[in-house]
Amino acid sequence: MNAKPYKIGLVALLISIVVGCVPSWNPLFTDKDLIFDPKLVGTWEGDHESVWKFEKEGDKHYRLSCSDKQGKATFVAFLLKIEDRRFLNLFLPDGYDKELKLNGLACMTLMPVHFFMRVDEIGTSVKMAMIDSQWLHKHLKENPKAIAHLSHPNRDLLTAETKDLQEFVLKHAEGKGFFGDSFTLQREAPR
């Protein structure tokens, strides 16, 4: 197998998963916020031939393998509850560079960050919504003190502490705005 198309495909997959997601330097959770829902364990199919496979990995976290036609990436996933709302916090674990096979200089430019989604439903399907990066960018431009962040012309990085992150996310969790349109994953049919 030629490694170059694999690397390009894997980078494209990571970009496609993270596009629209806003990275955060800190997690959205503390240990007390973590929950485990066994209904999430399994293989789920999404749009564009994407497959999300959640496996139990510890008492309160999952191993999430996301794949599509372009490649595969593995995350540590944390399901959490803040007040009455559930969220999923994803994190690329140490060793992600082994899958990417980047050179040392390229690896030094990658920073492990968190990104999260609102979880609306876990049952016969999983329904989630990602952060709308355009809405957030506009909001932060108009309200630069709304939450600690760093801005780049086309991208924002949330730098707020977990407590402040939680307050901001809960304030904007409902409706359309901070979180964009929801998407649905269907449980993979038995073969």
Protein backbone atom coordinates (compact mmCIF):
# COMPACT_ATOMS: atom_id res chain seq x y z
CA MET A 1 0.00 0.00 0.00
CA ASN A 2 1.33 3.41 -0.93
CA ALA A 3 1.58 5.45 2.31
CA LYS A 4 1.27 8.88 0.69
CA PRO A 5 -2.41 8.59 -0.38
CA TYR A 6 -3.17 7.07 3.04
CA LYS A 7 -1.58 10.07 4.82
CA ILE A 8 -3.39 12.54 2.59
CA GLY A 9 -6.65 10.68 3.14
CA LEU A 10 -6.17 10.62 6.90
CA VAL A 11 -5.41 14.33 7.04
CA ALA A 12 -8.49 14.98 4.85
CA LEU A 13 -10.62 12.89 7.22
CA LEU A 14 -9.38 14.78 10.25
CA ILE A 15 -10.10 18.06 8.51
CA SER A 16 -13.58 16.91 7.48
CA ILE A 17 -14.37 15.85 11.06
CA VAL A 18 -13.02 19.03 12.56
CA VAL A 19 -14.30 21.50 9.92
CA GLY A 20 -17.01 23.46 11.62
CA CYS A 21 -15.67 22.40 15.01
CA VAL A 22 -13.99 24.98 17.12
CA PRO A 23 -11.00 23.66 19.04
CA SER A 24 -10.65 24.30 22.74
CA TRP A 25 -7.42 24.24 24.68
CA ASN A 26 -9.27 22.90 27.74
CA PRO A 27 -11.87 20.15 28.02
CA LEU A 28 -15.57 20.89 28.47
CA PHE A 29 -15.73 18.54 31.46
CA THR A 30 -14.48 17.87 34.95
CA ASP A 31 -14.51 14.33 36.34
CA LYS A 32 -17.86 14.91 38.05
CA ASP A 33 -19.50 15.78 34.70
CA LEU A 34 -18.58 12.50 32.99
CA ILE A 35 -21.28 9.91 32.34
CA PHE A 36 -21.35 6.63 30.49
CA ASP A 37 -24.25 5.51 28.32
CA PRO A 38 -23.92 1.93 27.05
CA LYS A 39 -26.39 2.73 24.24
CA LEU A 40 -23.65 4.77 22.55
CA VAL A 41 -21.40 1.71 22.18
CA GLY A 42 -21.61 0.30 18.68
CA THR A 43 -21.12 1.21 15.06
CA TRP A 44 -23.06 4.11 13.57
CA GLU A 45 -23.36 5.26 9.97
CA GLY A 46 -23.55 8.89 8.94
CA ASP A 47 -23.71 10.93 5.79
CA HIS A 48 -21.07 10.62 3.07
CA GLU A 49 -20.31 7.00 3.98
CA SER A 50 -18.90 7.96 7.37
CA VAL A 51 -18.73 5.32 10.09
CA TRP A 52 -18.45 6.18 13.79
CA LYS A 53 -17.48 3.25 16.02
CA PHE A 54 -17.76 3.80 19.78
CA GLU A 55 -16.08 1.24 22.05
CA LYS A 56 -16.05 1.23 25.84
CA GLU A 57 -12.58 2.14 27.05
CA GLY A 58 -12.59 2.65 30.79
CA ASP A 59 -15.37 3.50 33.19
CA LYS A 60 -16.32 6.85 31.71
CA HIS A 61 -14.89 7.20 28.26
CA TYR A 62 -14.98 5.66 24.82
CA ARG A 63 -12.62 4.96 21.97
CA LEU A 64 -14.10 6.52 18.84
CA SER A 65 -12.92 5.45 15.41
CA CYS A 66 -14.24 7.67 12.61
CA SER A 67 -13.76 6.63 9.04
CA ASP A 68 -14.97 7.53 5.60
CA LYS A 69 -13.80 7.03 2.01
CA GLN A 70 -10.72 9.14 2.69
CA GLY A 71 -9.33 7.55 5.84
CA LYS A 72 -9.68 6.83 9.53
CA ALA A 73 -8.93 8.65 12.79
CA THR A 74 -9.20 7.51 16.40
CA PHE A 75 -10.23 9.73 19.29
CA VAL A 76 -10.81 9.46 23.01
CA ALA A 77 -14.46 10.45 23.48
CA PHE A 78 -16.02 11.65 26.72
CA LEU A 79 -19.79 11.82 27.19
CA LEU A 80 -20.73 14.42 29.76
CA LYS A 81 -23.74 16.08 31.27
CA ILE A 82 -23.90 19.71 32.37
CA GLU A 83 -27.20 20.46 34.04
CA ASP A 84 -29.76 18.78 31.73
CA ARG A 85 -27.65 18.86 28.55
CA ARG A 86 -25.37 16.15 27.19
CA PHE A 87 -22.23 16.82 25.18
CA LEU A 88 -19.49 14.78 23.56
CA ASN A 89 -15.89 15.95 24.03
CA LEU A 90 -13.39 14.50 21.53
CA PHE A 91 -9.63 14.49 21.93
CA LEU A 92 -6.85 13.07 19.76
CA PRO A 93 -4.72 11.03 22.16
CA ASP A 94 -0.94 10.99 22.29
CA GLY A 95 0.39 8.92 19.48
CA TYR A 96 -1.90 10.41 16.81
CA ASP A 97 1.27 11.21 14.90
CA LYS A 98 1.90 7.46 14.51
CA GLU A 99 -1.24 7.17 12.37
CA LEU A 100 -0.41 10.30 10.41
CA LYS A 101 3.28 9.42 9.91
CA LEU A 102 4.25 13.09 9.80
CA ASN A 103 7.84 14.19 9.98
CA GLY A 104 9.22 15.68 13.20
CA LEU A 105 8.85 19.28 12.10
CA ALA A 106 5.21 18.80 11.09
CA CYS A 107 4.46 16.98 14.37
CA MET A 108 5.78 19.96 16.34
CA THR A 109 3.12 22.18 14.77
CA LEU A 110 0.22 19.97 15.84
CA MET A 111 -1.39 20.68 19.19
CA PRO A 112 -3.73 18.24 20.90
CA VAL A 113 -6.97 20.13 21.47
CA HIS A 114 -10.51 19.27 22.47
CA PHE A 115 -13.61 19.79 20.42
CA PHE A 116 -17.13 19.07 21.37
CA MET A 117 -20.67 18.55 20.15
CA ARG A 118 -24.10 18.84 21.67
CA VAL A 119 -25.76 15.43 22.02
CA ASP A 120 -29.52 15.62 21.45
CA GLU A 121 -30.38 11.93 21.34
CA ILE A 122 -28.88 8.51 22.00
CA GLY A 123 -31.22 5.64 21.18
CA THR A 124 -32.00 3.94 17.91
CA SER A 125 -30.02 6.80 16.40
CA VAL A 126 -27.51 9.33 17.68
CA LYS A 127 -28.34 12.97 17.00
CA MET A 128 -25.67 15.63 17.56
CA ALA A 129 -24.81 19.19 16.57
CA MET A 130 -21.36 20.70 16.04
CA ILE A 131 -20.34 24.23 16.87
CA ASP A 132 -21.06 26.67 14.06
CA SER A 133 -17.59 28.18 13.60
CA GLN A 134 -18.91 31.06 11.47
CA TRP A 135 -21.50 32.04 14.10
CA LEU A 136 -18.87 31.89 16.84
CA HIS A 137 -16.31 33.87 14.84
CA LYS A 138 -18.86 36.63 14.22
CA HIS A 139 -20.02 36.56 17.85
CA LEU A 140 -16.46 36.86 19.16
CA LYS A 141 -15.68 39.67 16.74
CA GLU A 142 -18.72 41.58 18.04
CA ASN A 143 -18.20 40.50 21.69
CA PRO A 144 -14.46 39.96 22.16
CA LYS A 145 -14.80 39.53 25.94
CA ALA A 146 -17.57 36.91 25.71
CA ILE A 147 -15.08 34.11 26.39
CA ALA A 148 -11.31 33.74 26.45
CA HIS A 149 -10.05 32.86 22.99
CA LEU A 150 -7.41 33.42 20.35
CA SER A 151 -8.52 34.46 16.90
CA HIS A 152 -6.99 33.93 13.52
CA PRO A 153 -8.59 35.45 10.41
CA ASN A 154 -10.42 32.19 9.63
CA ARG A 155 -10.32 30.25 12.90
CA ASP A 156 -10.81 30.63 16.63
CA LEU A 157 -9.30 28.68 19.52
CA LEU A 158 -11.18 28.73 22.80
CA THR A 159 -8.73 29.19 25.68
CA ALA A 160 -11.20 29.58 28.55
CA GLU A 161 -10.96 27.44 31.66
CA THR A 162 -13.44 24.56 31.87
CA LYS A 163 -15.82 26.36 34.27
CA ASP A 164 -16.07 29.39 31.94
CA LEU A 165 -16.40 27.14 28.89
CA GLN A 166 -19.32 25.32 30.51
CA GLU A 167 -21.12 28.56 31.33
CA PHE A 168 -20.68 29.88 27.80
CA VAL A 169 -21.75 26.63 26.14
CA LEU A 170 -24.86 26.29 28.33
CA LYS A 171 -25.81 29.90 27.65
CA HIS A 172 -25.76 29.19 23.91
CA ALA A 173 -26.72 25.48 23.85
CA GLU A 174 -30.34 25.82 22.80
CA GLY A 175 -31.62 26.62 19.35
CA LYS A 176 -29.57 27.44 16.31
CA GLY A 177 -26.58 29.74 16.64
CA PHE A 178 -23.60 28.52 18.61
CA PHE A 179 -24.51 24.97 17.63
CA GLY A 180 -25.45 24.52 13.98
CA ASP A 181 -27.82 22.06 12.38
CA SER A 182 -27.89 18.66 13.95
CA PHE A 183 -26.84 15.51 12.12
CA THR A 184 -27.96 11.95 12.71
CA LEU A 185 -26.04 8.69 12.88
CA GLN A 186 -27.93 5.42 12.37
CA ARG A 187 -26.93 2.19 14.03
CA GLU A 188 -25.20 -0.04 11.49
CA ALA A 189 -27.42 -2.89 10.36
CA PRO A 190 -26.21 -6.37 11.35
CA ARG A 191 -24.48 -8.18 8.49
